[in-house]
Amino acid sequence: MTPETRYDRIVIGFSGASGIIYGIRLLEILHSINIQTYLIISEWAKKNIEIETDKNLEYVKSLSSINYENFKLDASVSSGSFLHDGMVIVPCSMKSLSSIANGYDDTLISRAASVTLKESRKLILVPRETPLSRIHLENMIKLHDAGAIILPAMPGFYHRPSTIDEIVDHLVGKILDQLKIKHDIFTRWKDN
């Protein structure tokens, strides 16, 4: 894949960390601009959709072009021959992060992420955990050194958000920036 080539296809993983609202919002935006999304949902992500949002699983799945169960290791996204513009795991649990960092590849999310790295495609991990242990940090360093982008779910406040939606959009905008997808969902920093 050359830098000029775009496939308008993004692989999205929802693992079991808190913060599923970020992933749903990312899907909503990509759906609205006709980017094909290949969604992998873990069992705990399904539970977090129920616990943390007023959305249901059918709605979330309807936003994706194709969706997969996390156990379906023979899915097309598990192969390096599947061409795409990048993969985002949002939210990314410490379990998924560890699996990827240590080459365990026991789920479709971790397998697709490992393939994304080995094919030198963009892998964006959005961990949502606090505080972080030394093990978490070491796994993040391993992944950073392997080429992944670690984009923690840490809200910024310079844009003076007044709603949760504005906080969510700010983080999702940061993900879109990394994917080189133009957007105007948050106000950028400007000189006074």
Protein backbone atom coordinates (compact mmCIF):
# COMPACT_ATOMS: atom_id res chain seq x y z
CA MET A 1 0.00 0.00 0.00
CA THR A 2 1.56 3.28 -1.08
CA PRO A 3 0.84 6.48 0.85
CA GLU A 4 -1.39 7.68 -2.03
CA THR A 5 -3.53 4.53 -2.08
CA ARG A 6 -6.78 4.63 -0.11
CA TYR A 7 -9.18 1.76 0.19
CA ASP A 8 -11.78 3.60 2.32
CA ARG A 9 -11.88 0.55 4.58
CA ILE A 10 -11.20 0.65 8.32
CA VAL A 11 -11.16 -2.32 10.68
CA ILE A 12 -12.67 -1.47 14.07
CA GLY A 13 -12.34 -3.57 17.23
CA PHE A 14 -14.49 -3.06 20.30
CA SER A 15 -12.89 -4.84 23.26
CA GLY A 16 -14.19 -5.03 26.81
CA ALA A 17 -12.86 -1.84 28.37
CA SER A 18 -15.09 0.98 29.53
CA GLY A 19 -15.53 3.75 26.96
CA ILE A 20 -17.60 2.02 24.29
CA ILE A 21 -19.17 5.42 23.54
CA TYR A 22 -15.95 6.41 21.72
CA GLY A 23 -16.17 3.41 19.43
CA ILE A 24 -19.84 3.90 18.66
CA ARG A 25 -19.29 7.57 17.82
CA LEU A 26 -16.36 6.66 15.53
CA LEU A 27 -18.61 4.19 13.70
CA GLU A 28 -21.37 6.81 13.37
CA ILE A 29 -18.98 9.28 11.76
CA LEU A 30 -17.33 6.76 9.42
CA HIS A 31 -20.79 5.51 8.41
CA SER A 32 -21.94 9.07 7.67
CA ILE A 33 -19.01 9.65 5.27
CA ASN A 34 -19.33 6.26 3.55
CA ILE A 35 -16.14 4.66 4.85
CA GLN A 36 -16.49 0.87 4.90
CA THR A 37 -16.04 -0.50 8.40
CA TYR A 38 -15.29 -4.05 9.41
CA LEU A 39 -16.39 -4.32 13.03
CA ILE A 40 -15.24 -6.95 15.54
CA ILE A 41 -17.14 -6.94 18.83
CA SER A 42 -15.98 -8.84 21.90
CA GLU A 43 -18.48 -10.34 24.34
CA TRP A 44 -17.62 -7.78 27.02
CA ALA A 45 -17.98 -4.95 24.51
CA LYS A 46 -21.52 -6.16 23.88
CA LYS A 47 -22.19 -5.99 27.64
CA ASN A 48 -20.67 -2.50 27.82
CA ILE A 49 -23.00 -1.29 25.05
CA GLU A 50 -25.89 -2.23 27.38
CA ILE A 51 -24.26 -0.94 30.58
CA GLU A 52 -22.79 2.34 29.34
CA THR A 53 -25.13 3.57 26.59
CA ASP A 54 -28.75 3.80 25.54
CA LYS A 55 -27.85 2.11 22.22
CA ASN A 56 -28.49 -1.53 21.39
CA LEU A 57 -26.32 -4.09 19.61
CA GLU A 58 -28.48 -4.06 16.47
CA TYR A 59 -28.02 -0.31 16.09
CA VAL A 60 -24.25 -0.58 16.53
CA LYS A 61 -23.98 -3.42 14.02
CA SER A 62 -26.10 -1.44 11.52
CA LEU A 63 -23.38 1.23 11.43
CA SER A 64 -20.77 -1.21 10.11
CA SER A 65 -20.41 -2.60 6.60
CA ILE A 66 -19.60 -6.06 7.97
CA ASN A 67 -19.39 -7.26 11.55
CA TYR A 68 -17.72 -10.29 13.07
CA GLU A 69 -17.81 -12.21 16.30
CA ASN A 70 -14.49 -12.07 18.13
CA PHE A 71 -14.04 -15.86 17.91
CA LYS A 72 -14.26 -15.97 14.08
CA LEU A 73 -10.53 -16.33 13.42
CA ASP A 74 -11.09 -17.26 9.75
CA ALA A 75 -12.60 -13.84 8.91
CA SER A 76 -11.07 -11.92 6.00
CA VAL A 77 -9.65 -9.26 8.34
CA SER A 78 -7.39 -11.90 9.92
CA SER A 79 -5.37 -12.15 6.70
CA GLY A 80 -2.60 -9.88 5.49
CA SER A 81 -4.15 -10.07 2.02
CA PHE A 82 -7.14 -8.04 3.25
CA LEU A 83 -6.32 -4.47 2.20
CA HIS A 84 -7.43 -1.63 4.44
CA ASP A 85 -6.41 1.85 5.58
CA GLY A 86 -5.91 0.98 9.24
CA MET A 87 -7.34 -0.62 12.33
CA VAL A 88 -8.64 1.06 15.48
CA ILE A 89 -9.33 -0.76 18.73
CA VAL A 90 -11.59 1.54 20.70
CA PRO A 91 -11.86 0.98 23.56
CA CYS A 92 -8.83 -1.26 23.98
CA SER A 93 -8.79 -3.37 27.13
CA MET A 94 -5.51 -4.22 28.83
CA LYS A 95 -6.23 -7.88 28.02
CA SER A 96 -6.45 -7.16 24.28
CA LEU A 97 -3.44 -4.87 24.46
CA SER A 98 -1.41 -7.60 26.19
CA SER A 99 -2.49 -10.22 23.67
CA ILE A 100 -1.34 -8.03 20.78
CA ALA A 101 1.89 -6.96 22.49
CA ASN A 102 2.84 -10.55 23.21
CA GLY A 103 1.74 -12.12 19.92
CA TYR A 104 -0.93 -14.30 21.51
CA ASP A 105 -3.52 -13.77 18.74
CA ASP A 106 -6.25 -15.68 20.59
CA THR A 107 -9.16 -13.58 19.30
CA LEU A 108 -10.06 -12.00 15.99
CA ILE A 109 -9.34 -8.55 17.43
CA SER A 110 -5.79 -9.48 18.45
CA ARG A 111 -5.17 -11.49 15.27
CA ALA A 112 -6.36 -8.67 13.00
CA ALA A 113 -4.23 -6.21 14.98
CA SER A 114 -1.13 -8.40 14.68
CA VAL A 115 -1.69 -8.74 10.94
CA THR A 116 -2.12 -4.97 10.68
CA LEU A 117 1.27 -4.50 12.35
CA LYS A 118 3.06 -7.16 10.29
CA GLU A 119 1.74 -5.60 7.08
CA SER A 120 2.97 -2.14 8.23
CA ARG A 121 -0.51 -0.69 8.26
CA LYS A 122 -1.74 1.82 10.80
CA LEU A 123 -2.86 0.33 14.13
CA ILE A 124 -4.43 2.73 16.62
CA LEU A 125 -5.08 1.50 20.16
CA VAL A 126 -7.33 3.54 22.45
CA PRO A 127 -6.74 2.17 25.96
CA ARG A 128 -9.18 3.24 28.66
CA GLU A 129 -7.74 2.25 32.00
CA THR A 130 -6.47 4.11 35.04
CA PRO A 131 -4.17 3.91 36.83
CA LEU A 132 -1.71 2.06 34.64
CA SER A 133 0.59 -0.61 36.05
CA ARG A 134 4.17 -1.11 34.91
CA ILE A 135 2.99 -4.17 32.94
CA HIS A 136 0.42 -2.04 31.07
CA LEU A 137 3.07 0.59 30.29
CA GLU A 138 5.61 -2.01 29.14
CA ASN A 139 3.05 -3.56 26.81
CA MET A 140 2.25 -0.11 25.40
CA ILE A 141 5.94 0.56 24.82
CA LYS A 142 6.30 -2.80 23.03
CA LEU A 143 3.41 -1.91 20.76
CA HIS A 144 4.66 1.62 20.15
CA ASP A 145 8.06 0.23 19.20
CA ALA A 146 6.33 -2.24 16.84
CA GLY A 147 4.59 0.64 15.05
CA ALA A 148 1.25 1.00 16.82
CA ILE A 149 -0.17 4.37 17.80
CA ILE A 150 -1.18 4.53 21.46
CA LEU A 151 -4.00 7.07 21.74
CA PRO A 152 -5.35 6.89 25.31
CA ALA A 153 -8.89 8.02 26.01
CA MET A 154 -7.72 11.18 27.79
CA PRO A 155 -10.03 14.12 27.20
CA GLY A 156 -8.68 17.57 26.44
CA PHE A 157 -10.39 20.68 27.74
CA TYR A 158 -8.79 23.58 25.82
CA HIS A 159 -11.85 23.58 23.53
CA ARG A 160 -14.05 24.15 26.62
CA PRO A 161 -16.50 21.29 26.18
CA SER A 162 -19.91 21.78 27.70
CA THR A 163 -21.32 18.29 27.01
CA ILE A 164 -20.13 14.70 27.14
CA ASP A 165 -20.72 14.54 23.37
CA GLU A 166 -18.16 17.31 22.86
CA ILE A 167 -15.62 15.42 24.99
CA VAL A 168 -16.26 12.23 23.00
CA ASP A 169 -16.03 14.06 19.67
CA HIS A 170 -12.68 15.57 20.64
CA LEU A 171 -11.16 12.13 21.17
CA VAL A 172 -12.82 10.66 18.08
CA GLY A 173 -11.47 13.61 16.09
CA LYS A 174 -7.96 12.69 17.27
CA ILE A 175 -8.53 9.15 15.93
CA LEU A 176 -9.74 10.54 12.60
CA ASP A 177 -6.65 12.77 12.44
CA GLN A 178 -4.43 9.69 12.79
CA LEU A 179 -6.39 7.98 9.99
CA LYS A 180 -5.92 11.13 7.86
CA ILE A 181 -9.68 11.53 7.50
CA LYS A 182 -10.79 15.18 7.27
CA HIS A 183 -13.37 16.33 9.77
CA ASP A 184 -14.64 19.32 11.68
CA ILE A 185 -16.05 17.65 14.77
CA PHE A 186 -13.97 19.68 17.21
CA THR A 187 -12.47 23.13 17.38
CA ARG A 188 -8.73 23.12 16.81
CA TRP A 189 -6.29 25.16 18.90
CA LYS A 190 -5.77 28.66 17.56
CA ASP A 191 -3.46 31.52 18.47
CA ASN A 192 -5.09 34.24 20.58
